[in-house]
């Protein structure tokens, strides 16, 4: 205590004053406290600023990851569903063949085979059209590649796909996601794949 008092006198300080190391100047105690509070506030503000910036960057990175992951995940889910539709169509085709073996004719509708017509993973009923035993009245319903070439000569069987919509020609925009039976059962798969194979 005595040494501190002597140092104050040597530096020309009056009792109640002390040096602020940050500035190298001498101030009364109350001024010293305020100065330190001001410096502390500035430091806290800088720290808060960095924290906010880090938060913004973190949120941006997370949003970017979601924007990339969600579409990819959705595509995987739809691909899996499309693969399941192919399996379902193959099963329905097998059931139709069994019906033909027993009844010596094509069913007029899937209701002749199923009490409850099967649905695709998107909740749409599978579509069926008896072509071989029908007259000209169905010619505007028969599935075609473009507007001339029929996909089948016996019957059409397909799912309207993700969008739940379809038009007669396979090249129509709303038909591109259909999963279809073509070439009298030699092909069952996505319409896009069939279009690609025909164009090649």
N, C-alpha and C. Protein backbone atom coordinates (compact mmCIF):
# COMPACT_ATOMS: atom_id res chain seq x y z
N UNK A 1 0.85 -1.20 0.00
CA UNK A 1 0.00 0.00 0.00
C UNK A 1 0.88 1.24 0.00
N UNK A 2 1.90 1.25 0.86
CA UNK A 2 2.82 2.38 0.92
C UNK A 2 3.56 2.55 -0.39
N UNK A 3 4.00 1.42 -0.96
CA UNK A 3 4.72 1.47 -2.26
C UNK A 3 3.83 2.05 -3.35
N UNK A 4 2.56 1.64 -3.37
CA UNK A 4 1.63 2.16 -4.38
C UNK A 4 1.48 3.66 -4.25
N UNK A 5 1.37 4.15 -3.01
CA UNK A 5 1.22 5.59 -2.78
C UNK A 5 2.45 6.34 -3.28
N UNK A 6 3.65 5.78 -3.02
CA UNK A 6 4.89 6.42 -3.48
C UNK A 6 4.96 6.47 -5.00
N UNK A 7 4.50 5.37 -5.65
CA UNK A 7 4.53 5.35 -7.12
C UNK A 7 3.59 6.39 -7.69
N UNK A 8 2.45 6.59 -7.05
CA UNK A 8 1.51 7.61 -7.50
C UNK A 8 2.14 8.99 -7.42
N UNK A 9 2.83 9.25 -6.30
CA UNK A 9 3.48 10.56 -6.13
C UNK A 9 4.56 10.74 -7.17
N UNK A 10 5.36 9.66 -7.41
CA UNK A 10 6.46 9.75 -8.39
C UNK A 10 5.92 10.06 -9.78
N UNK A 11 4.73 9.59 -10.08
CA UNK A 11 4.15 9.82 -11.41
C UNK A 11 3.33 11.10 -11.46
N UNK A 12 3.26 11.80 -10.36
CA UNK A 12 2.50 13.05 -10.33
C UNK A 12 1.02 12.84 -10.19
N UNK A 13 0.60 11.66 -9.64
CA UNK A 13 -0.83 11.38 -9.49
C UNK A 13 -1.32 11.84 -8.14
N UNK A 14 -2.55 12.30 -8.12
CA UNK A 14 -3.18 12.64 -6.87
C UNK A 14 -3.88 11.41 -6.34
N UNK A 15 -4.13 11.35 -5.02
CA UNK A 15 -4.87 10.21 -4.48
C UNK A 15 -6.20 10.05 -5.22
N UNK A 16 -6.62 8.78 -5.53
CA UNK A 16 -7.87 8.54 -6.27
C UNK A 16 -7.67 8.46 -7.76
N UNK A 17 -6.43 8.71 -8.26
CA UNK A 17 -6.16 8.60 -9.69
C UNK A 17 -5.27 7.38 -9.93
N UNK A 18 -5.40 6.83 -11.15
CA UNK A 18 -4.49 5.74 -11.52
C UNK A 18 -4.33 5.74 -13.02
N UNK A 19 -3.34 4.98 -13.48
CA UNK A 19 -3.02 4.95 -14.91
C UNK A 19 -3.88 3.91 -15.62
N UNK A 20 -4.33 4.24 -16.82
CA UNK A 20 -5.04 3.29 -17.68
C UNK A 20 -4.05 2.76 -18.69
N UNK A 21 -3.77 1.45 -18.64
CA UNK A 21 -2.73 0.89 -19.48
C UNK A 21 -3.04 1.02 -20.96
N UNK A 22 -4.33 0.98 -21.32
CA UNK A 22 -4.70 1.02 -22.73
C UNK A 22 -4.31 2.34 -23.38
N UNK A 23 -4.32 3.44 -22.59
CA UNK A 23 -4.06 4.75 -23.18
C UNK A 23 -2.75 5.36 -22.71
N UNK A 24 -2.23 4.91 -21.56
CA UNK A 24 -1.00 5.48 -21.01
C UNK A 24 -1.23 6.83 -20.35
N UNK A 25 -2.51 7.24 -20.18
CA UNK A 25 -2.81 8.54 -19.56
C UNK A 25 -3.37 8.31 -18.16
N UNK A 26 -3.40 9.40 -17.36
CA UNK A 26 -3.84 9.32 -15.98
C UNK A 26 -5.25 9.90 -15.84
N UNK A 27 -6.14 9.15 -15.17
CA UNK A 27 -7.51 9.61 -14.97
C UNK A 27 -7.95 9.27 -13.56
N UNK A 28 -8.93 10.01 -13.04
CA UNK A 28 -9.53 9.62 -11.77
C UNK A 28 -10.15 8.24 -11.90
N UNK A 29 -10.39 7.59 -10.76
CA UNK A 29 -10.91 6.23 -10.77
C UNK A 29 -12.22 6.09 -11.54
N UNK A 30 -13.17 7.05 -11.35
CA UNK A 30 -14.47 6.92 -12.02
C UNK A 30 -14.33 7.02 -13.53
N UNK A 31 -13.40 7.86 -14.01
CA UNK A 31 -13.16 7.97 -15.45
C UNK A 31 -12.54 6.68 -15.96
N UNK A 32 -11.66 6.13 -15.16
CA UNK A 32 -11.00 4.87 -15.52
C UNK A 32 -12.02 3.76 -15.70
N UNK A 33 -12.98 3.67 -14.79
CA UNK A 33 -14.01 2.63 -14.87
C UNK A 33 -14.84 2.78 -16.13
N UNK A 34 -15.25 4.02 -16.45
CA UNK A 34 -16.06 4.27 -17.65
C UNK A 34 -15.29 3.91 -18.92
N UNK A 35 -13.98 4.26 -18.90
CA UNK A 35 -13.15 3.96 -20.07
C UNK A 35 -13.06 2.45 -20.29
N UNK A 36 -12.88 1.73 -19.20
CA UNK A 36 -12.80 0.28 -19.32
C UNK A 36 -14.14 -0.31 -19.78
N UNK A 37 -15.24 0.23 -19.30
CA UNK A 37 -16.56 -0.24 -19.75
C UNK A 37 -16.74 -0.01 -21.24
N UNK A 38 -16.27 1.16 -21.72
CA UNK A 38 -16.38 1.49 -23.14
C UNK A 38 -15.58 0.50 -23.98
N UNK A 39 -14.36 0.20 -23.53
CA UNK A 39 -13.52 -0.76 -24.25
C UNK A 39 -14.17 -2.13 -24.25
N UNK A 40 -14.75 -2.53 -23.11
CA UNK A 40 -15.40 -3.83 -23.00
C UNK A 40 -16.59 -3.94 -23.95
N UNK A 41 -17.38 -2.85 -24.06
CA UNK A 41 -18.53 -2.83 -24.97
C UNK A 41 -18.09 -3.00 -26.41
N UNK A 42 -16.99 -2.29 -26.78
CA UNK A 42 -16.48 -2.40 -28.15
C UNK A 42 -16.05 -3.83 -28.46
N UNK A 43 -15.37 -4.46 -27.51
CA UNK A 43 -14.93 -5.85 -27.71
C UNK A 43 -16.13 -6.77 -27.87
N UNK A 44 -17.15 -6.57 -26.99
CA UNK A 44 -18.35 -7.40 -27.07
C UNK A 44 -19.08 -7.22 -28.39
N UNK A 45 -19.12 -5.97 -28.87
CA UNK A 45 -19.77 -5.70 -30.15
C UNK A 45 -19.07 -6.42 -31.29
N UNK A 46 -17.71 -6.40 -31.23
CA UNK A 46 -16.95 -7.11 -32.27
C UNK A 46 -17.22 -8.61 -32.21
N UNK A 47 -17.28 -9.15 -30.99
CA UNK A 47 -17.55 -10.57 -30.83
C UNK A 47 -18.95 -10.92 -31.32
N UNK A 48 -19.93 -10.05 -31.01
CA UNK A 48 -21.30 -10.27 -31.47
C UNK A 48 -21.37 -10.22 -32.99
N UNK A 49 -20.64 -9.30 -33.58
CA UNK A 49 -20.61 -9.18 -35.03
C UNK A 49 -20.09 -10.43 -35.69
N UNK A 50 -19.02 -10.99 -35.15
CA UNK A 50 -18.47 -12.23 -35.70
C UNK A 50 -19.46 -13.37 -35.55
N UNK A 51 -20.14 -13.44 -34.41
CA UNK A 51 -21.10 -14.51 -34.16
C UNK A 51 -22.25 -14.44 -35.15
N UNK A 52 -22.75 -13.24 -35.42
CA UNK A 52 -23.84 -13.07 -36.38
C UNK A 52 -23.40 -13.48 -37.78
N UNK A 53 -22.20 -13.07 -38.17
CA UNK A 53 -21.69 -13.44 -39.48
C UNK A 53 -21.53 -14.95 -39.61
N UNK A 54 -21.03 -15.57 -38.55
CA UNK A 54 -20.88 -17.02 -38.57
C UNK A 54 -22.23 -17.71 -38.69
N UNK A 55 -23.23 -17.16 -38.01
CA UNK A 55 -24.56 -17.74 -38.07
C UNK A 55 -25.14 -17.64 -39.48
N UNK A 56 -24.96 -16.47 -40.11
CA UNK A 56 -25.46 -16.27 -41.48
C UNK A 56 -24.79 -17.25 -42.44
N UNK A 57 -23.48 -17.42 -42.30
CA UNK A 57 -22.74 -18.35 -43.16
C UNK A 57 -23.21 -19.78 -42.94
N UNK A 58 -23.42 -20.14 -41.68
CA UNK A 58 -23.87 -21.50 -41.36
C UNK A 58 -25.23 -21.79 -41.97
N UNK A 59 -26.16 -20.84 -41.79
CA UNK A 59 -27.51 -21.00 -42.34
C UNK A 59 -27.45 -21.11 -43.86
N UNK A 60 -26.60 -20.29 -44.49
CA UNK A 60 -26.47 -20.31 -45.96
C UNK A 60 -25.97 -21.67 -46.44
N UNK A 61 -24.98 -22.21 -45.74
CA UNK A 61 -24.44 -23.52 -46.11
C UNK A 61 -25.50 -24.61 -45.96
N UNK A 62 -26.26 -24.56 -44.86
CA UNK A 62 -27.30 -25.56 -44.62
C UNK A 62 -28.37 -25.49 -45.71
N UNK A 63 -28.80 -24.27 -46.06
CA UNK A 63 -29.82 -24.10 -47.10
C UNK A 63 -29.32 -24.61 -48.44
N UNK A 64 -28.04 -24.34 -48.73
CA UNK A 64 -27.46 -24.82 -49.99
C UNK A 64 -27.46 -26.34 -50.03
N UNK A 65 -27.11 -26.96 -48.91
CA UNK A 65 -27.09 -28.43 -48.85
C UNK A 65 -28.48 -29.00 -49.07
N UNK A 66 -29.49 -28.38 -48.43
CA UNK A 66 -30.86 -28.84 -48.60
C UNK A 66 -31.31 -28.70 -50.05
N UNK A 67 -30.93 -27.59 -50.69
CA UNK A 67 -31.33 -27.36 -52.09
C UNK A 67 -30.75 -28.40 -53.03
N UNK A 68 -29.63 -29.00 -52.63
CA UNK A 68 -29.00 -30.04 -53.45
C UNK A 68 -29.50 -31.43 -53.08
N UNK A 69 -29.70 -31.65 -51.78
CA UNK A 69 -30.06 -32.99 -51.31
C UNK A 69 -31.51 -33.33 -51.59
N UNK A 70 -32.43 -32.38 -51.36
CA UNK A 70 -33.86 -32.67 -51.50
C UNK A 70 -34.23 -33.11 -52.92
N UNK A 71 -33.83 -32.37 -53.98
CA UNK A 71 -34.16 -32.85 -55.34
C UNK A 71 -33.56 -34.22 -55.64
N UNK A 72 -32.34 -34.45 -55.17
CA UNK A 72 -31.70 -35.75 -55.41
C UNK A 72 -32.47 -36.87 -54.71
N UNK A 73 -32.90 -36.60 -53.47
CA UNK A 73 -33.66 -37.60 -52.72
C UNK A 73 -35.01 -37.86 -53.39
N UNK A 74 -35.65 -36.79 -53.87
CA UNK A 74 -36.94 -36.93 -54.55
C UNK A 74 -36.79 -37.78 -55.82
N UNK A 75 -35.69 -37.55 -56.54
CA UNK A 75 -35.44 -38.32 -57.76
C UNK A 75 -35.24 -39.80 -57.45
N UNK A 76 -34.53 -40.08 -56.37
CA UNK A 76 -34.31 -41.47 -55.98
C UNK A 76 -35.63 -42.14 -55.61
N UNK A 77 -36.48 -41.43 -54.87
CA UNK A 77 -37.79 -41.97 -54.47
C UNK A 77 -38.64 -42.27 -55.70
N UNK A 78 -38.70 -41.33 -56.64
CA UNK A 78 -39.51 -41.52 -57.85
C UNK A 78 -38.96 -42.65 -58.72
N UNK A 79 -37.63 -42.78 -58.76
CA UNK A 79 -37.02 -43.88 -59.52
C UNK A 79 -37.42 -45.22 -58.91
N UNK A 80 -37.40 -45.30 -57.59
CA UNK A 80 -37.80 -46.53 -56.90
C UNK A 80 -39.26 -46.84 -57.17
N UNK A 81 -40.10 -45.81 -57.14
CA UNK A 81 -41.53 -46.01 -57.41
C UNK A 81 -41.76 -46.47 -58.85
N UNK A 82 -41.02 -45.89 -59.79
CA UNK A 82 -41.15 -46.29 -61.19
C UNK A 82 -40.76 -47.75 -61.37
N UNK A 83 -39.70 -48.17 -60.69
CA UNK A 83 -39.29 -49.57 -60.75
C UNK A 83 -40.38 -50.49 -60.19
N UNK A 84 -41.04 -50.04 -59.13
CA UNK A 84 -42.13 -50.82 -58.54
C UNK A 84 -43.32 -50.92 -59.50
N UNK A 85 -43.57 -49.84 -60.25
CA UNK A 85 -44.66 -49.84 -61.23
C UNK A 85 -44.40 -50.89 -62.31
N UNK A 86 -43.16 -50.99 -62.76
CA UNK A 86 -42.81 -51.99 -63.77
C UNK A 86 -43.16 -53.39 -63.25
N UNK A 87 -42.81 -53.66 -62.00
CA UNK A 87 -43.13 -54.95 -61.39
C UNK A 87 -44.64 -55.16 -61.33
N UNK A 88 -45.38 -54.11 -60.96
CA UNK A 88 -46.84 -54.20 -60.88
C UNK A 88 -47.45 -54.47 -62.26
N UNK A 89 -46.95 -53.79 -63.28
CA UNK A 89 -47.47 -53.99 -64.64
C UNK A 89 -47.19 -55.41 -65.13
N UNK A 90 -46.04 -55.93 -64.79
CA UNK A 90 -45.71 -57.31 -65.17
C UNK A 90 -46.67 -58.29 -64.49
N UNK A 91 -47.01 -58.00 -63.23
CA UNK A 91 -47.96 -58.85 -62.50
C UNK A 91 -49.35 -58.76 -63.12
N UNK A 92 -49.79 -57.56 -63.47
CA UNK A 92 -51.11 -57.39 -64.09
C UNK A 92 -51.14 -58.10 -65.44
N UNK A 93 -50.06 -57.97 -66.22
CA UNK A 93 -49.98 -58.64 -67.51
C UNK A 93 -50.09 -60.16 -67.33
N UNK A 94 -49.45 -60.68 -66.30
CA UNK A 94 -49.54 -62.11 -66.01
C UNK A 94 -50.97 -62.51 -65.66
N UNK A 95 -51.65 -61.66 -64.88
CA UNK A 95 -53.05 -61.94 -64.51
C UNK A 95 -53.95 -61.89 -65.74
N UNK A 96 -53.67 -60.97 -66.66
CA UNK A 96 -54.45 -60.88 -67.90
C UNK A 96 -54.24 -62.14 -68.74
N UNK A 97 -53.00 -62.62 -68.80
CA UNK A 97 -52.71 -63.85 -69.55
C UNK A 97 -53.46 -65.04 -68.95
N UNK A 98 -53.54 -65.08 -67.63
CA UNK A 98 -54.30 -66.15 -66.97
C UNK A 98 -55.78 -66.05 -67.32
N UNK A 99 -56.29 -64.83 -67.36
CA UNK A 99 -57.69 -64.60 -67.72
C UNK A 99 -57.95 -65.09 -69.14
N UNK A 100 -57.03 -64.78 -70.06
CA UNK A 100 -57.16 -65.19 -71.46
C UNK A 100 -57.17 -66.72 -71.56
N UNK A 101 -56.30 -67.36 -70.81
CA UNK A 101 -56.21 -68.83 -70.84
C UNK A 101 -57.53 -69.46 -70.39
N UNK A 102 -58.14 -68.88 -69.38
CA UNK A 102 -59.38 -69.44 -68.85
C UNK A 102 -60.59 -69.07 -69.70
N UNK A 103 -60.67 -67.83 -70.16
CA UNK A 103 -61.88 -67.33 -70.82
C UNK A 103 -61.77 -67.25 -72.34
N UNK A 104 -60.59 -67.49 -72.88
CA UNK A 104 -60.37 -67.46 -74.33
C UNK A 104 -60.67 -66.10 -74.94
N UNK A 105 -60.47 -65.08 -74.17
CA UNK A 105 -60.66 -63.71 -74.66
C UNK A 105 -59.95 -62.74 -73.74
N UNK A 106 -59.79 -61.52 -74.23
CA UNK A 106 -59.24 -60.46 -73.38
C UNK A 106 -60.31 -59.91 -72.45
N UNK A 107 -59.94 -59.48 -71.26
CA UNK A 107 -60.94 -58.83 -70.40
C UNK A 107 -61.34 -57.48 -71.00
N UNK A 108 -62.60 -57.10 -70.82
CA UNK A 108 -63.05 -55.80 -71.31
C UNK A 108 -62.49 -54.67 -70.44
N UNK A 109 -62.25 -54.99 -69.18
CA UNK A 109 -61.66 -54.02 -68.25
C UNK A 109 -60.96 -54.78 -67.13
N UNK A 110 -60.15 -54.07 -66.37
CA UNK A 110 -59.47 -54.71 -65.25
C UNK A 110 -60.44 -55.11 -64.14
N UNK A 111 -61.65 -54.55 -64.19
CA UNK A 111 -62.66 -54.89 -63.19
C UNK A 111 -63.10 -56.34 -63.32
N UNK A 112 -62.87 -56.95 -64.48
CA UNK A 112 -63.20 -58.37 -64.66
C UNK A 112 -62.19 -59.27 -63.93
N UNK A 113 -61.06 -58.70 -63.60
CA UNK A 113 -60.01 -59.48 -62.92
C UNK A 113 -59.92 -59.11 -61.44
N UNK A 114 -60.04 -57.81 -61.16
CA UNK A 114 -59.84 -57.32 -59.79
C UNK A 114 -61.12 -56.68 -59.25
N UNK A 115 -61.45 -57.01 -58.01
CA UNK A 115 -62.58 -56.34 -57.35
C UNK A 115 -62.23 -54.88 -57.10
N UNK A 116 -60.97 -54.64 -56.81
CA UNK A 116 -60.47 -53.27 -56.61
C UNK A 116 -59.28 -53.07 -57.56
N UNK A 117 -59.46 -52.23 -58.57
CA UNK A 117 -58.41 -52.04 -59.58
C UNK A 117 -57.13 -51.53 -58.93
N UNK A 118 -56.00 -52.16 -59.20
CA UNK A 118 -54.72 -51.75 -58.59
C UNK A 118 -54.36 -50.30 -58.91
N UNK A 119 -53.63 -49.69 -58.00
CA UNK A 119 -53.18 -48.31 -58.18
C UNK A 119 -51.65 -48.26 -58.17
N UNK A 120 -51.12 -47.23 -58.83
CA UNK A 120 -49.67 -47.04 -58.83
C UNK A 120 -49.25 -46.33 -57.53
N UNK A 121 -47.96 -46.18 -57.28
CA UNK A 121 -47.50 -45.56 -56.03
C UNK A 121 -47.95 -44.12 -55.83
N UNK A 122 -48.43 -43.47 -56.90
CA UNK A 122 -48.89 -42.08 -56.80
C UNK A 122 -50.40 -42.01 -56.60
N UNK A 123 -51.03 -43.18 -56.41
CA UNK A 123 -52.46 -43.23 -56.11
C UNK A 123 -53.38 -43.28 -57.31
N UNK A 124 -52.84 -43.42 -58.52
CA UNK A 124 -53.66 -43.47 -59.73
C UNK A 124 -53.92 -44.91 -60.16
N UNK A 125 -55.15 -45.18 -60.59
CA UNK A 125 -55.47 -46.52 -61.06
C UNK A 125 -54.72 -46.82 -62.36
N UNK A 126 -54.27 -48.06 -62.49
CA UNK A 126 -53.63 -48.48 -63.73
C UNK A 126 -54.66 -48.45 -64.86
N UNK A 127 -54.21 -48.04 -66.03
CA UNK A 127 -55.10 -47.91 -67.19
C UNK A 127 -54.97 -49.13 -68.10
N UNK A 128 -56.12 -49.58 -68.60
CA UNK A 128 -56.15 -50.75 -69.48
C UNK A 128 -57.13 -50.48 -70.62
N UNK A 129 -56.78 -50.93 -71.82
CA UNK A 129 -57.68 -50.78 -72.97
C UNK A 129 -57.57 -52.02 -73.85
N UNK A 130 -58.70 -52.71 -74.03
CA UNK A 130 -58.77 -53.86 -74.93
C UNK A 130 -58.81 -53.36 -76.37
N UNK A 131 -57.76 -53.60 -77.11
CA UNK A 131 -57.68 -53.11 -78.49
C UNK A 131 -58.16 -54.18 -79.47
N UNK A 132 -57.72 -55.41 -79.29
CA UNK A 132 -57.98 -56.49 -80.26
C UNK A 132 -59.46 -56.76 -80.46
N UNK A 133 -60.26 -56.66 -79.41
CA UNK A 133 -61.68 -57.01 -79.50
C UNK A 133 -62.58 -55.78 -79.61
N UNK A 134 -62.02 -54.64 -79.90
CA UNK A 134 -62.80 -53.40 -79.94
C UNK A 134 -62.95 -52.90 -81.37
N UNK A 135 -63.93 -52.00 -81.55
CA UNK A 135 -64.16 -51.45 -82.89
C UNK A 135 -63.42 -50.11 -83.05
N UNK A 136 -63.75 -49.41 -84.09
CA UNK A 136 -63.07 -48.15 -84.42
C UNK A 136 -63.33 -47.04 -83.41
N UNK A 137 -64.32 -47.23 -82.55
CA UNK A 137 -64.67 -46.16 -81.61
C UNK A 137 -63.55 -45.87 -80.59
N UNK A 138 -62.62 -46.81 -80.46
CA UNK A 138 -61.55 -46.60 -79.47
C UNK A 138 -60.27 -46.06 -80.09
N UNK A 139 -60.30 -45.80 -81.39
CA UNK A 139 -59.05 -45.44 -82.07
C UNK A 139 -58.40 -44.17 -81.51
N UNK A 140 -59.21 -43.31 -80.90
CA UNK A 140 -58.64 -42.08 -80.33
C UNK A 140 -58.16 -42.29 -78.88
N UNK A 141 -58.30 -43.52 -78.39
CA UNK A 141 -57.83 -43.85 -77.05
C UNK A 141 -56.58 -44.72 -77.07
N UNK A 142 -56.34 -45.37 -78.20
CA UNK A 142 -55.20 -46.28 -78.31
C UNK A 142 -53.89 -45.50 -78.17
N UNK A 143 -53.00 -46.00 -77.31
CA UNK A 143 -51.72 -45.32 -77.11
C UNK A 143 -50.86 -45.47 -78.35
N UNK A 144 -50.23 -44.35 -78.72
CA UNK A 144 -49.38 -44.31 -79.91
C UNK A 144 -48.02 -43.72 -79.56
N UNK A 145 -47.04 -44.05 -80.42
CA UNK A 145 -45.73 -43.44 -80.24
C UNK A 145 -45.81 -41.97 -80.62
N UNK A 146 -46.27 -41.71 -81.83
CA UNK A 146 -46.54 -40.33 -82.25
C UNK A 146 -48.04 -40.23 -82.47
N UNK A 147 -48.47 -40.10 -83.71
CA UNK A 147 -49.91 -40.06 -83.96
C UNK A 147 -50.36 -41.19 -84.87
N UNK A 148 -49.44 -42.05 -85.27
CA UNK A 148 -49.77 -43.12 -86.22
C UNK A 148 -49.48 -44.50 -85.63
N UNK A 149 -48.26 -44.70 -85.18
CA UNK A 149 -47.81 -46.03 -84.75
C UNK A 149 -48.35 -46.40 -83.37
N UNK A 150 -49.16 -47.48 -83.30
CA UNK A 150 -49.69 -47.96 -82.03
C UNK A 150 -48.60 -48.63 -81.20
N UNK A 151 -48.71 -48.51 -79.88
CA UNK A 151 -47.75 -49.18 -79.01
C UNK A 151 -48.01 -50.69 -78.97
N UNK A 152 -49.29 -51.07 -79.07
CA UNK A 152 -49.67 -52.48 -78.99
C UNK A 152 -50.79 -52.78 -80.00
N UNK A 153 -50.94 -54.06 -80.31
CA UNK A 153 -52.06 -54.47 -81.17
C UNK A 153 -53.08 -55.29 -80.39
N UNK A 154 -52.72 -55.74 -79.18
CA UNK A 154 -53.66 -56.53 -78.37
C UNK A 154 -54.35 -55.68 -77.29
N UNK A 155 -53.58 -55.07 -76.41
CA UNK A 155 -54.17 -54.19 -75.39
C UNK A 155 -53.12 -53.23 -74.84
N UNK A 156 -53.60 -52.10 -74.36
CA UNK A 156 -52.74 -51.11 -73.70
C UNK A 156 -52.84 -51.29 -72.19
N UNK A 157 -51.71 -51.12 -71.53
CA UNK A 157 -51.66 -51.20 -70.07
C UNK A 157 -50.58 -50.23 -69.61
N UNK A 158 -50.95 -49.30 -68.72
CA UNK A 158 -49.95 -48.30 -68.33
C UNK A 158 -50.33 -47.56 -67.05
N UNK A 159 -49.33 -46.87 -66.50
CA UNK A 159 -49.52 -45.94 -65.39
C UNK A 159 -49.34 -44.54 -65.94
N UNK A 160 -50.16 -43.60 -65.46
CA UNK A 160 -50.06 -42.22 -65.95
C UNK A 160 -48.90 -41.47 -65.30
N UNK A 161 -48.17 -42.12 -64.41
CA UNK A 161 -46.94 -41.53 -63.89
C UNK A 161 -47.12 -40.53 -62.76
N UNK A 162 -46.04 -39.81 -62.50
CA UNK A 162 -45.97 -38.90 -61.36
C UNK A 162 -47.01 -37.79 -61.44
N UNK A 163 -47.19 -37.22 -62.64
CA UNK A 163 -48.09 -36.06 -62.77
C UNK A 163 -49.56 -36.44 -62.80
N UNK A 164 -49.87 -37.73 -62.91
CA UNK A 164 -51.26 -38.17 -62.92
C UNK A 164 -52.00 -37.83 -64.20
N UNK A 165 -51.27 -37.42 -65.24
CA UNK A 165 -51.89 -37.03 -66.50
C UNK A 165 -51.25 -37.77 -67.67
N UNK A 166 -52.00 -37.86 -68.77
CA UNK A 166 -51.48 -38.55 -69.95
C UNK A 166 -52.29 -38.15 -71.17
N UNK A 167 -51.66 -38.21 -72.33
CA UNK A 167 -52.36 -38.00 -73.60
C UNK A 167 -52.07 -39.19 -74.50
N UNK A 168 -52.81 -39.30 -75.60
CA UNK A 168 -52.69 -40.46 -76.47
C UNK A 168 -51.28 -40.69 -77.01
N UNK A 169 -50.67 -39.70 -77.65
CA UNK A 169 -49.30 -39.92 -78.16
C UNK A 169 -48.27 -39.92 -77.03
N UNK A 170 -47.34 -40.83 -77.13
CA UNK A 170 -46.32 -40.98 -76.09
C UNK A 170 -45.39 -39.78 -76.01
N UNK A 171 -45.25 -39.06 -77.12
CA UNK A 171 -44.33 -37.93 -77.14
C UNK A 171 -44.94 -36.67 -76.53
N UNK A 172 -46.22 -36.73 -76.15
CA UNK A 172 -46.85 -35.59 -75.50
C UNK A 172 -46.18 -35.29 -74.16
N UNK A 173 -46.15 -34.03 -73.79
CA UNK A 173 -45.44 -33.61 -72.57
C UNK A 173 -45.94 -34.34 -71.33
N UNK A 174 -47.25 -34.48 -71.17
CA UNK A 174 -47.80 -35.12 -69.97
C UNK A 174 -47.68 -36.64 -70.01
N UNK A 175 -47.20 -37.19 -71.13
CA UNK A 175 -47.05 -38.65 -71.25
C UNK A 175 -45.62 -39.11 -71.02
N UNK A 176 -44.69 -38.17 -70.96
CA UNK A 176 -43.28 -38.53 -70.87
C UNK A 176 -42.94 -39.29 -69.59
N UNK A 177 -43.72 -39.07 -68.53
CA UNK A 177 -43.43 -39.77 -67.27
C UNK A 177 -44.28 -41.03 -67.09
N UNK A 178 -45.05 -41.40 -68.11
CA UNK A 178 -45.86 -42.62 -68.04
C UNK A 178 -44.94 -43.84 -67.97
N UNK A 179 -45.44 -44.90 -67.37
CA UNK A 179 -44.77 -46.20 -67.43
C UNK A 179 -45.70 -47.10 -68.21
N UNK A 180 -45.23 -47.63 -69.33
CA UNK A 180 -46.13 -48.26 -70.29
C UNK A 180 -45.73 -49.70 -70.65
N UNK A 181 -46.73 -50.40 -71.14
CA UNK A 181 -46.52 -51.70 -71.80
C UNK A 181 -46.55 -51.42 -73.29
N UNK A 182 -45.57 -51.93 -74.03
CA UNK A 182 -45.50 -51.70 -75.47
C UNK A 182 -45.00 -52.96 -76.18
N UNK A 183 -45.12 -52.94 -77.50
CA UNK A 183 -44.67 -54.07 -78.34
C UNK A 183 -45.30 -55.38 -77.88
N UNK A 184 -46.61 -55.29 -77.54
CA UNK A 184 -47.39 -56.45 -77.08
C UNK A 184 -46.74 -57.17 -75.89
N UNK A 185 -46.14 -56.38 -75.03
CA UNK A 185 -45.59 -56.93 -73.79
C UNK A 185 -44.10 -57.18 -73.80
N UNK A 186 -43.46 -56.98 -74.95
CA UNK A 186 -42.01 -57.16 -75.00
C UNK A 186 -41.27 -56.04 -74.27
N UNK A 187 -41.95 -54.91 -74.12
CA UNK A 187 -41.37 -53.78 -73.38
C UNK A 187 -42.33 -53.35 -72.29
N UNK A 188 -41.82 -53.20 -71.08
CA UNK A 188 -42.57 -52.58 -69.98
C UNK A 188 -41.59 -51.69 -69.24
N UNK A 189 -41.85 -50.39 -69.25
CA UNK A 189 -40.93 -49.46 -68.61
C UNK A 189 -41.33 -48.02 -68.85
N UNK A 190 -40.47 -47.08 -68.45
CA UNK A 190 -40.76 -45.65 -68.62
C UNK A 190 -40.91 -45.26 -70.09
N UNK A 191 -41.85 -44.37 -70.36
CA UNK A 191 -42.08 -43.91 -71.73
C UNK A 191 -40.83 -43.27 -72.31
N UNK A 192 -40.09 -42.55 -71.49
CA UNK A 192 -38.86 -41.90 -71.96
C UNK A 192 -37.87 -42.92 -72.52
N UNK A 193 -37.76 -44.06 -71.87
CA UNK A 193 -36.84 -45.09 -72.34
C UNK A 193 -37.30 -45.67 -73.67
N UNK A 194 -38.61 -45.86 -73.80
CA UNK A 194 -39.15 -46.39 -75.06
C UNK A 194 -38.92 -45.42 -76.20
N UNK A 195 -39.18 -44.14 -75.95
CA UNK A 195 -38.97 -43.11 -76.97
C UNK A 195 -37.51 -43.10 -77.41
N UNK A 196 -36.62 -43.18 -76.45
CA UNK A 196 -35.19 -43.17 -76.75
C UNK A 196 -34.80 -44.38 -77.59
N UNK A 197 -35.33 -45.56 -77.24
CA UNK A 197 -34.99 -46.78 -77.99
C UNK A 197 -35.53 -46.74 -79.41
N UNK A 198 -36.71 -46.15 -79.60
CA UNK A 198 -37.29 -46.04 -80.94
C UNK A 198 -36.50 -45.06 -81.79
N UNK A 199 -36.10 -43.95 -81.18
CA UNK A 199 -35.35 -42.93 -81.93
C UNK A 199 -33.97 -43.43 -82.34
N UNK A 200 -33.42 -44.35 -81.56
CA UNK A 200 -32.10 -44.88 -81.89
C UNK A 200 -32.18 -45.85 -83.05
